[in-house]
């Protein structure tokens, strides 16, 4: 059933009310944790028997686990809101009501989208899922309508990797129909599945899942800042915290070294290197 503007607004309002309630719960849990932590510190200073101290530690761990659970519930509600808004946007586009966005505003939206991509924080022993950080999609994965992907298309001279939005997957042909994300181009392409690379759906947390990031000196493809095209680059520095970005050296003949100075690129726009048929992979200009 199509999601009308009214029903979308009602669903979002419902999630926002739930989110507000959960935020209050987070504050309550945080205060409880702080009280227990202060109690543990006082107990350590007063030389309590080990058994009593152990009991306090156990309570502290349980409180921290409960706080984590409530925070994850809040993040899930935020993602639900984003999904509803995206579904409504796709329906409006399919109805011919695609909103024209200026290039500068569009590039800003792409950056904000990458910065607010859900952060995956694994639990002890939990495996990092596909499409998190540098972990690729499974071979049978099909990107959904509205997903942002990297797509290889014919350029003026050689093939090039661009940022595109999935319109639909044509299962009978094993092909994707995608739109160039750049509104100034307004190009639609039908491409085989092998010419599409799904972008990460989650950021990897460097503090818990650093192995899910591309190692230093790895050859990658990445979105050159202030463009909607992917170019060949080398990882110069990994993100150290959940809010940091990669620092990349883009292959660029405009510089004597053959590489650009280190440039920041969000996890969402850094993917495994995949050469095109003719292109050597470097930049002639940016």
C-alpha atoms as a PDB file:
ATOM      1  CA  UNK A   1       0.000   0.000   0.000  1.00  0.00           C
ATOM      2  CA  UNK A   2       1.475   3.393  -1.001  1.00  0.00           C
ATOM      3  CA  UNK A   3       2.700   5.557   1.850  1.00  0.00           C
ATOM      4  CA  UNK A   4       0.830   8.862   1.633  1.00  0.00           C
ATOM      5  CA  UNK A   5       2.260  12.107   2.958  1.00  0.00           C
ATOM      6  CA  UNK A   6      -0.318  12.045   5.753  1.00  0.00           C
ATOM      7  CA  UNK A   7       0.355   8.449   6.815  1.00  0.00           C
ATOM      8  CA  UNK A   8       4.127   9.067   6.652  1.00  0.00           C
ATOM      9  CA  UNK A   9       3.746  12.108   8.897  1.00  0.00           C
ATOM     10  CA  UNK A  10       1.656  10.116  11.389  1.00  0.00           C
ATOM     11  CA  UNK A  11       4.178   7.267  11.461  1.00  0.00           C
ATOM     12  CA  UNK A  12       7.067   9.669  11.984  1.00  0.00           C
ATOM     13  CA  UNK A  13       5.167  11.446  14.760  1.00  0.00           C
ATOM     14  CA  UNK A  14       4.549   8.104  16.459  1.00  0.00           C
ATOM     15  CA  UNK A  15       8.259   7.224  16.289  1.00  0.00           C
ATOM     16  CA  UNK A  16       9.236  10.645  17.605  1.00  0.00           C
ATOM     17  CA  UNK A  17       6.987  10.175  20.632  1.00  0.00           C
ATOM     18  CA  UNK A  18       8.578   6.785  21.288  1.00  0.00           C
ATOM     19  CA  UNK A  19      12.024   8.302  20.822  1.00  0.00           C
ATOM     20  CA  UNK A  20      11.281  11.037  23.339  1.00  0.00           C
ATOM     21  CA  UNK A  21      10.212   8.429  25.880  1.00  0.00           C
ATOM     22  CA  UNK A  22      13.332   6.358  25.256  1.00  0.00           C
ATOM     23  CA  UNK A  23      15.575   9.418  25.657  1.00  0.00           C
ATOM     24  CA  UNK A  24      14.088   9.983  29.124  1.00  0.00           C
ATOM     25  CA  UNK A  25      14.791   6.324  29.904  1.00  0.00           C
ATOM     26  CA  UNK A  26      18.401   6.796  28.786  1.00  0.00           C
ATOM     27  CA  UNK A  27      18.798   9.696  31.210  1.00  0.00           C
ATOM     28  CA  UNK A  28      17.312   7.607  34.036  1.00  0.00           C
ATOM     29  CA  UNK A  29      19.665   4.715  33.275  1.00  0.00           C
ATOM     30  CA  UNK A  30      22.634   7.065  33.080  1.00  0.00           C
ATOM     31  CA  UNK A  31      21.876   8.557  36.480  1.00  0.00           C
ATOM     32  CA  UNK A  32      21.494   5.052  37.937  1.00  0.00           C
ATOM     33  CA  UNK A  33      24.860   4.038  36.469  1.00  0.00           C
ATOM     34  CA  UNK A  34      26.574   7.136  37.850  1.00  0.00           C
ATOM     35  CA  UNK A  35      25.162   6.456  41.321  1.00  0.00           C
ATOM     36  CA  UNK A  36      26.388   2.864  41.246  1.00  0.00           C
ATOM     37  CA  UNK A  37      29.810   3.854  39.916  1.00  0.00           C
ATOM     38  CA  UNK A  38      30.204   6.365  42.724  1.00  0.00           C
ATOM     39  CA  UNK A  39      29.205   3.614  45.157  1.00  0.00           C
ATOM     40  CA  UNK A  40      31.864   1.311  43.705  1.00  0.00           C
ATOM     41  CA  UNK A  41      34.547   4.009  44.053  1.00  0.00           C
ATOM     42  CA  UNK A  42      33.609   4.613  47.697  1.00  0.00           C
ATOM     43  CA  UNK A  43      33.571   0.860  48.332  1.00  0.00           C
ATOM     44  CA  UNK A  44      37.060   0.478  46.856  1.00  0.00           C
ATOM     45  CA  UNK A  45      38.372   3.204  49.149  1.00  0.00           C
ATOM     46  CA  UNK A  46      36.744   1.700  52.242  1.00  0.00           C
ATOM     47  CA  UNK A  47      38.314  -1.756  51.761  1.00  0.00           C
ATOM     48  CA  UNK A  48      35.052  -3.702  51.603  1.00  0.00           C
ATOM     49  CA  UNK A  49      35.301  -7.540  51.598  1.00  0.00           C
ATOM     50  CA  UNK A  50      35.982  -8.884  48.066  1.00  0.00           C
ATOM     51  CA  UNK A  51      32.621 -10.660  47.920  1.00  0.00           C
ATOM     52  CA  UNK A  52      30.659  -7.433  48.518  1.00  0.00           C
ATOM     53  CA  UNK A  53      32.833  -5.554  46.043  1.00  0.00           C
ATOM     54  CA  UNK A  54      32.232  -8.279  43.460  1.00  0.00           C
ATOM     55  CA  UNK A  55      28.490  -7.901  43.975  1.00  0.00           C
ATOM     56  CA  UNK A  56      28.766  -4.149  43.315  1.00  0.00           C
ATOM     57  CA  UNK A  57      30.759  -4.813  40.140  1.00  0.00           C
ATOM     58  CA  UNK A  58      28.091  -7.217  38.937  1.00  0.00           C
ATOM     59  CA  UNK A  59      25.355  -4.646  39.526  1.00  0.00           C
ATOM     60  CA  UNK A  60      27.391  -2.012  37.685  1.00  0.00           C
ATOM     61  CA  UNK A  61      27.799  -4.293  34.665  1.00  0.00           C
ATOM     62  CA  UNK A  62      24.081  -5.056  34.602  1.00  0.00           C
ATOM     63  CA  UNK A  63      23.241  -1.344  34.731  1.00  0.00           C
ATOM     64  CA  UNK A  64      25.668  -0.587  31.897  1.00  0.00           C
ATOM     65  CA  UNK A  65      24.150  -3.373  29.785  1.00  0.00           C
ATOM     66  CA  UNK A  66      20.660  -1.969  30.374  1.00  0.00           C
ATOM     67  CA  UNK A  67      21.799   1.535  29.402  1.00  0.00           C
ATOM     68  CA  UNK A  68      23.330   0.130  26.210  1.00  0.00           C
ATOM     69  CA  UNK A  69      20.071  -1.679  25.409  1.00  0.00           C
ATOM     70  CA  UNK A  70      18.019   1.499  25.730  1.00  0.00           C
ATOM     71  CA  UNK A  71      20.494   3.485  23.618  1.00  0.00           C
ATOM     72  CA  UNK A  72      20.262   0.841  20.891  1.00  0.00           C
ATOM     73  CA  UNK A  73      16.452   1.131  21.030  1.00  0.00           C
ATOM     74  CA  UNK A  74      16.755   4.893  20.451  1.00  0.00           C
ATOM     75  CA  UNK A  75      19.069   4.354  17.488  1.00  0.00           C
ATOM     76  CA  UNK A  76      16.624   1.831  16.027  1.00  0.00           C
ATOM     77  CA  UNK A  77      13.782   4.392  16.234  1.00  0.00           C
ATOM     78  CA  UNK A  78      15.936   6.986  14.484  1.00  0.00           C
ATOM     79  CA  UNK A  79      16.618   4.510  11.682  1.00  0.00           C
ATOM     80  CA  UNK A  80      12.890   3.746  11.376  1.00  0.00           C
ATOM     81  CA  UNK A  81      12.220   7.476  10.889  1.00  0.00           C
ATOM     82  CA  UNK A  82      14.904   7.668   8.208  1.00  0.00           C
ATOM     83  CA  UNK A  83      13.430   4.628   6.439  1.00  0.00           C
ATOM     84  CA  UNK A  84       9.921   6.120   6.412  1.00  0.00           C
ATOM     85  CA  UNK A  85      11.191   9.414   5.005  1.00  0.00           C
ATOM     86  CA  UNK A  86      13.207   7.607   2.349  1.00  0.00           C
ATOM     87  CA  UNK A  87      10.243   5.450   1.327  1.00  0.00           C
ATOM     88  CA  UNK A  88       8.083   8.532   0.966  1.00  0.00           C
ATOM     89  CA  UNK A  89      10.779  10.288  -1.079  1.00  0.00           C
ATOM     90  CA  UNK A  90      11.032   7.305  -3.447  1.00  0.00           C
ATOM     91  CA  UNK A  91       7.268   7.218  -3.944  1.00  0.00           C
ATOM     92  CA  UNK A  92       7.224  10.952  -4.691  1.00  0.00           C
ATOM     93  CA  UNK A  93      10.022  10.486  -7.216  1.00  0.00           C
ATOM     94  CA  UNK A  94       8.208   7.616  -8.918  1.00  0.00           C
ATOM     95  CA  UNK A  95       5.135   9.822  -9.158  1.00  0.00           C
ATOM     96  CA  UNK A  96       7.185  12.414 -11.042  1.00  0.00           C
ATOM     97  CA  UNK A  97       7.592  14.794  -8.096  1.00  0.00           C
ATOM     98  CA  UNK A  98      11.369  14.660  -7.819  1.00  0.00           C
ATOM     99  CA  UNK A  99      12.596  17.761  -6.023  1.00  0.00           C
ATOM    100  CA  UNK A 100      15.301  19.806  -7.767  1.00  0.00           C
ATOM    101  CA  UNK A 101      18.267  20.330  -5.447  1.00  0.00           C
ATOM    102  CA  UNK A 102      21.127  22.720  -6.041  1.00  0.00           C
ATOM    103  CA  UNK A 103      24.527  21.084  -6.402  1.00  0.00           C
ATOM    104  CA  UNK A 104      25.983  22.719  -3.296  1.00  0.00           C
ATOM    105  CA  UNK A 105      23.030  21.640  -1.166  1.00  0.00           C
ATOM    106  CA  UNK A 106      23.160  18.145  -2.624  1.00  0.00           C
ATOM    107  CA  UNK A 107      26.857  17.718  -1.789  1.00  0.00           C
ATOM    108  CA  UNK A 108      26.143  18.914   1.750  1.00  0.00           C
ATOM    109  CA  UNK A 109      23.311  16.372   2.077  1.00  0.00           C
ATOM    110  CA  UNK A 110      25.618  13.583   0.908  1.00  0.00           C
ATOM    111  CA  UNK A 111      28.172  14.567   3.544  1.00  0.00           C
ATOM    112  CA  UNK A 112      25.590  14.731   6.335  1.00  0.00           C
ATOM    113  CA  UNK A 113      24.141  11.391   5.220  1.00  0.00           C
ATOM    114  CA  UNK A 114      27.593   9.805   5.549  1.00  0.00           C
ATOM    115  CA  UNK A 115      28.240  11.361   8.957  1.00  0.00           C
ATOM    116  CA  UNK A 116      24.910  10.137  10.326  1.00  0.00           C
ATOM    117  CA  UNK A 117      25.113   6.634   8.855  1.00  0.00           C
ATOM    118  CA  UNK A 118      24.273   4.150  11.652  1.00  0.00           C
ATOM    119  CA  UNK A 119      27.303   3.135  13.714  1.00  0.00           C
ATOM    120  CA  UNK A 120      27.769  -0.587  14.312  1.00  0.00           C
ATOM    121  CA  UNK A 121      29.238  -1.335  17.735  1.00  0.00           C
ATOM    122  CA  UNK A 122      29.735  -5.066  18.117  1.00  0.00           C
ATOM    123  CA  UNK A 123      29.066  -6.987  21.295  1.00  0.00           C
ATOM    124  CA  UNK A 124      31.779  -9.377  22.576  1.00  0.00           C
ATOM    125  CA  UNK A 125      32.203 -12.163  20.025  1.00  0.00           C
ATOM    126  CA  UNK A 126      29.772 -10.610  17.547  1.00  0.00           C
ATOM    127  CA  UNK A 127      30.769 -10.673  13.879  1.00  0.00           C
ATOM    128  CA  UNK A 128      30.742  -7.486  11.821  1.00  0.00           C
ATOM    129  CA  UNK A 129      27.929  -7.817   9.232  1.00  0.00           C
ATOM    130  CA  UNK A 130      28.222  -7.232   5.479  1.00  0.00           C
ATOM    131  CA  UNK A 131      28.093  -3.626   4.275  1.00  0.00           C
ATOM    132  CA  UNK A 132      29.606  -2.353   7.496  1.00  0.00           C
ATOM    133  CA  UNK A 133      32.780  -0.338   6.966  1.00  0.00           C
ATOM    134  CA  UNK A 134      35.053  -2.219   4.551  1.00  0.00           C
ATOM    135  CA  UNK A 135      33.071  -5.482   4.729  1.00  0.00           C
ATOM    136  CA  UNK A 136      31.546  -6.006   1.262  1.00  0.00           C
ATOM    137  CA  UNK A 137      28.027  -7.159   0.437  1.00  0.00           C
ATOM    138  CA  UNK A 138      27.352 -10.861   0.028  1.00  0.00           C
ATOM    139  CA  UNK A 139      27.377 -12.095  -3.574  1.00  0.00           C
ATOM    140  CA  UNK A 140      23.594 -12.574  -3.656  1.00  0.00           C
ATOM    141  CA  UNK A 141      22.808  -9.170  -2.125  1.00  0.00           C
ATOM    142  CA  UNK A 142      20.349  -6.962  -4.007  1.00  0.00           C
ATOM    143  CA  UNK A 143      20.364  -3.238  -3.266  1.00  0.00           C
ATOM    144  CA  UNK A 144      16.951  -1.742  -2.557  1.00  0.00           C
ATOM    145  CA  UNK A 145      15.233   1.100  -4.383  1.00  0.00           C
ATOM    146  CA  UNK A 146      16.566   4.359  -2.978  1.00  0.00           C
ATOM    147  CA  UNK A 147      19.937   2.900  -1.937  1.00  0.00           C
ATOM    148  CA  UNK A 148      23.061   4.801  -2.933  1.00  0.00           C
ATOM    149  CA  UNK A 149      25.612   2.769  -4.883  1.00  0.00           C
ATOM    150  CA  UNK A 150      28.758   3.147  -6.957  1.00  0.00           C
ATOM    151  CA  UNK A 151      28.068   2.499 -10.640  1.00  0.00           C
ATOM    152  CA  UNK A 152      30.469   2.261 -13.554  1.00  0.00           C
ATOM    153  CA  UNK A 153      29.243   4.104 -16.664  1.00  0.00           C
ATOM    154  CA  UNK A 154      30.708   5.252 -19.975  1.00  0.00           C
ATOM    155  CA  UNK A 155      32.366   8.643 -19.671  1.00  0.00           C
ATOM    156  CA  UNK A 156      33.578  11.012 -22.379  1.00  0.00           C
ATOM    157  CA  UNK A 157      36.784   9.019 -22.810  1.00  0.00           C
ATOM    158  CA  UNK A 158      36.810   5.978 -20.527  1.00  0.00           C
ATOM    159  CA  UNK A 159      34.525   4.283 -18.061  1.00  0.00           C
ATOM    160  CA  UNK A 160      34.074   6.046 -14.724  1.00  0.00           C
ATOM    161  CA  UNK A 161      32.623   5.223 -11.343  1.00  0.00           C
ATOM    162  CA  UNK A 162      29.819   7.549 -10.256  1.00  0.00           C
ATOM    163  CA  UNK A 163      27.508   7.886  -7.279  1.00  0.00           C
ATOM    164  CA  UNK A 164      24.033   6.674  -8.236  1.00  0.00           C
ATOM    165  CA  UNK A 165      20.645   5.919  -6.687  1.00  0.00           C
ATOM    166  CA  UNK A 166      18.900   2.614  -7.311  1.00  0.00           C
ATOM    167  CA  UNK A 167      15.553   2.965  -9.061  1.00  0.00           C
ATOM    168  CA  UNK A 168      14.838  -0.768  -9.282  1.00  0.00           C
ATOM    169  CA  UNK A 169      16.442  -4.171  -9.789  1.00  0.00           C
ATOM    170  CA  UNK A 170      15.366  -5.926 -12.972  1.00  0.00           C
ATOM    171  CA  UNK A 171      15.549  -9.508 -11.744  1.00  0.00           C
ATOM    172  CA  UNK A 172      14.736 -11.038 -15.140  1.00  0.00           C
ATOM    173  CA  UNK A 173      17.774  -9.312 -16.669  1.00  0.00           C
ATOM    174  CA  UNK A 174      19.993  -9.348 -13.557  1.00  0.00           C
ATOM    175  CA  UNK A 175      20.426  -5.607 -14.047  1.00  0.00           C
ATOM    176  CA  UNK A 176      19.907  -2.426 -12.065  1.00  0.00           C
ATOM    177  CA  UNK A 177      18.169   0.734 -13.204  1.00  0.00           C
ATOM    178  CA  UNK A 178      19.925   3.660 -11.519  1.00  0.00           C
ATOM    179  CA  UNK A 179      19.894   7.452 -11.602  1.00  0.00           C
ATOM    180  CA  UNK A 180      23.061   9.539 -11.581  1.00  0.00           C
ATOM    181  CA  UNK A 181      22.978  11.233  -8.173  1.00  0.00           C
ATOM    182  CA  UNK A 182      24.148  14.472  -9.793  1.00  0.00           C
ATOM    183  CA  UNK A 183      20.953  16.386 -10.611  1.00  0.00           C
ATOM    184  CA  UNK A 184      22.790  18.391 -13.251  1.00  0.00           C
ATOM    185  CA  UNK A 185      23.393  15.190 -15.242  1.00  0.00           C
ATOM    186  CA  UNK A 186      19.871  13.743 -14.888  1.00  0.00           C
ATOM    187  CA  UNK A 187      21.062  10.512 -16.496  1.00  0.00           C
ATOM    188  CA  UNK A 188      19.390   7.140 -16.007  1.00  0.00           C
ATOM    189  CA  UNK A 189      21.344   3.950 -16.673  1.00  0.00           C
ATOM    190  CA  UNK A 190      20.502   0.256 -16.957  1.00  0.00           C
ATOM    191  CA  UNK A 191      23.583  -1.642 -15.802  1.00  0.00           C
ATOM    192  CA  UNK A 192      24.495  -5.255 -15.150  1.00  0.00           C
ATOM    193  CA  UNK A 193      24.789  -6.288 -11.514  1.00  0.00           C
ATOM    194  CA  UNK A 194      28.576  -6.583 -11.797  1.00  0.00           C
ATOM    195  CA  UNK A 195      28.776  -2.854 -12.613  1.00  0.00           C
ATOM    196  CA  UNK A 196      27.214  -1.896  -9.291  1.00  0.00           C
ATOM    197  CA  UNK A 197      28.910  -1.800  -5.892  1.00  0.00           C
ATOM    198  CA  UNK A 198      26.580  -1.282  -2.902  1.00  0.00           C
ATOM    199  CA  UNK A 199      27.909   1.291  -0.443  1.00  0.00           C
ATOM    200  CA  UNK A 200      28.197   0.618   3.310  1.00  0.00           C
ATOM    201  CA  UNK A 201      24.925   0.778   5.237  1.00  0.00           C
ATOM    202  CA  UNK A 202      26.743   1.151   8.575  1.00  0.00           C
ATOM    203  CA  UNK A 203      29.946   2.695   9.845  1.00  0.00           C
ATOM    204  CA  UNK A 204      32.422   0.444  11.617  1.00  0.00           C
ATOM    205  CA  UNK A 205      33.470   1.592  15.070  1.00  0.00           C
ATOM    206  CA  UNK A 206      37.297   1.917  15.069  1.00  0.00           C
ATOM    207  CA  UNK A 207      37.435   1.406  18.846  1.00  0.00           C
ATOM    208  CA  UNK A 208      35.719  -1.998  18.774  1.00  0.00           C
ATOM    209  CA  UNK A 209      35.852  -3.167  15.145  1.00  0.00           C
ATOM    210  CA  UNK A 210      39.003  -1.701  13.636  1.00  0.00           C
ATOM    211  CA  UNK A 211      39.460  -4.887  11.592  1.00  0.00           C
ATOM    212  CA  UNK A 212      36.379  -3.858   9.573  1.00  0.00           C
ATOM    213  CA  UNK A 213      38.243  -0.851   8.136  1.00  0.00           C
ATOM    214  CA  UNK A 214      40.592  -0.757   5.155  1.00  0.00           C
ATOM    215  CA  UNK A 215      44.204  -1.081   6.382  1.00  0.00           C
ATOM    216  CA  UNK A 216      46.750   1.678   5.842  1.00  0.00           C
ATOM    217  CA  UNK A 217      48.302   1.705   2.337  1.00  0.00           C
ATOM    218  CA  UNK A 218      45.358  -0.212   0.842  1.00  0.00           C
ATOM    219  CA  UNK A 219      44.347   0.730  -2.707  1.00  0.00           C
ATOM    220  CA  UNK A 220      40.685   1.807  -2.694  1.00  0.00           C
ATOM    221  CA  UNK A 221      38.122   3.768  -4.670  1.00  0.00           C
ATOM    222  CA  UNK A 222      36.691   6.820  -2.963  1.00  0.00           C
ATOM    223  CA  UNK A 223      34.478   9.793  -3.623  1.00  0.00           C
ATOM    224  CA  UNK A 224      36.717  12.767  -4.338  1.00  0.00           C
ATOM    225  CA  UNK A 225      35.626  15.677  -2.074  1.00  0.00           C
ATOM    226  CA  UNK A 226      33.043  18.013  -3.619  1.00  0.00           C
ATOM    227  CA  UNK A 227      32.378  15.621  -6.523  1.00  0.00           C
ATOM    228  CA  UNK A 228      30.061  12.677  -7.183  1.00  0.00           C
ATOM    229  CA  UNK A 229      32.710  10.473  -8.812  1.00  0.00           C
ATOM    230  CA  UNK A 230      34.938   7.739  -7.386  1.00  0.00           C
ATOM    231  CA  UNK A 231      38.675   7.749  -7.998  1.00  0.00           C
ATOM    232  CA  UNK A 232      41.630   5.553  -7.163  1.00  0.00           C
ATOM    233  CA  UNK A 233      43.299   6.366  -3.824  1.00  0.00           C
ATOM    234  CA  UNK A 234      45.567   4.971  -1.121  1.00  0.00           C
ATOM    235  CA  UNK A 235      44.634   4.871   2.557  1.00  0.00           C
ATOM    236  CA  UNK A 236      46.959   7.237   4.412  1.00  0.00           C
ATOM    237  CA  UNK A 237      45.272   7.198   7.819  1.00  0.00           C
ATOM    238  CA  UNK A 238      42.374   5.229   9.287  1.00  0.00           C
ATOM    239  CA  UNK A 239      39.592   6.732  11.412  1.00  0.00           C
ATOM    240  CA  UNK A 240      40.577   6.570  15.069  1.00  0.00           C
ATOM    241  CA  UNK A 241      37.129   7.343  16.523  1.00  0.00           C
ATOM    242  CA  UNK A 242      33.546   6.846  15.375  1.00  0.00           C
ATOM    243  CA  UNK A 243      33.318  10.463  14.163  1.00  0.00           C
ATOM    244  CA  UNK A 244      36.580  10.586  12.210  1.00  0.00           C
ATOM    245  CA  UNK A 245      37.019   9.962   8.486  1.00  0.00           C
ATOM    246  CA  UNK A 246      39.687   8.260   6.425  1.00  0.00           C
ATOM    247  CA  UNK A 247      42.570  10.336   5.125  1.00  0.00           C
ATOM    248  CA  UNK A 248      43.282   9.325   1.526  1.00  0.00           C
ATOM    249  CA  UNK A 249      45.943  10.084  -1.087  1.00  0.00           C
ATOM    250  CA  UNK A 250      44.207  10.339  -4.460  1.00  0.00           C
ATOM    251  CA  UNK A 251      46.178   9.411  -7.550  1.00  0.00           C
ATOM    252  CA  UNK A 252      46.510  12.770  -9.299  1.00  0.00           C
ATOM    253  CA  UNK A 253      48.966  13.795 -12.023  1.00  0.00           C
ATOM    254  CA  UNK A 254      48.531  17.455 -11.083  1.00  0.00           C
ATOM    255  CA  UNK A 255      50.925  16.901  -8.159  1.00  0.00           C
ATOM    256  CA  UNK A 256      54.680  16.198  -8.518  1.00  0.00           C
ATOM    257  CA  UNK A 257      54.388  13.109  -6.303  1.00  0.00           C
ATOM    258  CA  UNK A 258      51.552  11.722  -8.394  1.00  0.00           C
ATOM    259  CA  UNK A 259      49.227  11.878  -5.395  1.00  0.00           C
ATOM    260  CA  UNK A 260      47.101  14.564  -3.785  1.00  0.00           C
ATOM    261  CA  UNK A 261      47.690  15.749  -0.213  1.00  0.00           C
ATOM    262  CA  UNK A 262      45.738  13.706   2.398  1.00  0.00           C
ATOM    263  CA  UNK A 263      42.024  14.380   1.960  1.00  0.00           C
ATOM    264  CA  UNK A 264      39.212  13.358   4.350  1.00  0.00           C
ATOM    265  CA  UNK A 265      36.576  10.935   3.051  1.00  0.00           C
ATOM    266  CA  UNK A 266      33.757   9.370   5.074  1.00  0.00           C
ATOM    267  CA  UNK A 267      33.539   5.586   5.485  1.00  0.00           C
ATOM    268  CA  UNK A 268      30.402   5.463   3.376  1.00  0.00           C
ATOM    269  CA  UNK A 269      32.271   6.610   0.282  1.00  0.00           C
ATOM    270  CA  UNK A 270      35.356   4.384   0.521  1.00  0.00           C
ATOM    271  CA  UNK A 271      35.077   1.009  -1.228  1.00  0.00           C
ATOM    272  CA  UNK A 272      37.323  -1.749  -2.568  1.00  0.00           C
ATOM    273  CA  UNK A 273      39.256  -0.853  -5.696  1.00  0.00           C
ATOM    274  CA  UNK A 274      37.827  -2.252  -8.924  1.00  0.00           C
ATOM    275  CA  UNK A 275      39.540  -1.147 -12.168  1.00  0.00           C
ATOM    276  CA  UNK A 276      37.582  -0.069 -15.218  1.00  0.00           C
ATOM    277  CA  UNK A 277      38.279  -1.467 -18.693  1.00  0.00           C
ATOM    278  CA  UNK A 278      40.392   1.419 -20.009  1.00  0.00           C
ATOM    279  CA  UNK A 279      40.842   3.991 -17.285  1.00  0.00           C
ATOM    280  CA  UNK A 280      44.161   3.950 -15.448  1.00  0.00           C
ATOM    281  CA  UNK A 281      42.283   5.178 -12.390  1.00  0.00           C
ATOM    282  CA  UNK A 282      43.858   8.562 -11.705  1.00  0.00           C
ATOM    283  CA  UNK A 283      42.574  12.115 -11.774  1.00  0.00           C
ATOM    284  CA  UNK A 284      43.450  14.624 -14.428  1.00  0.00           C
ATOM    285  CA  UNK A 285      41.565  17.303 -12.566  1.00  0.00           C
ATOM    286  CA  UNK A 286      39.101  17.552  -9.715  1.00  0.00           C
END
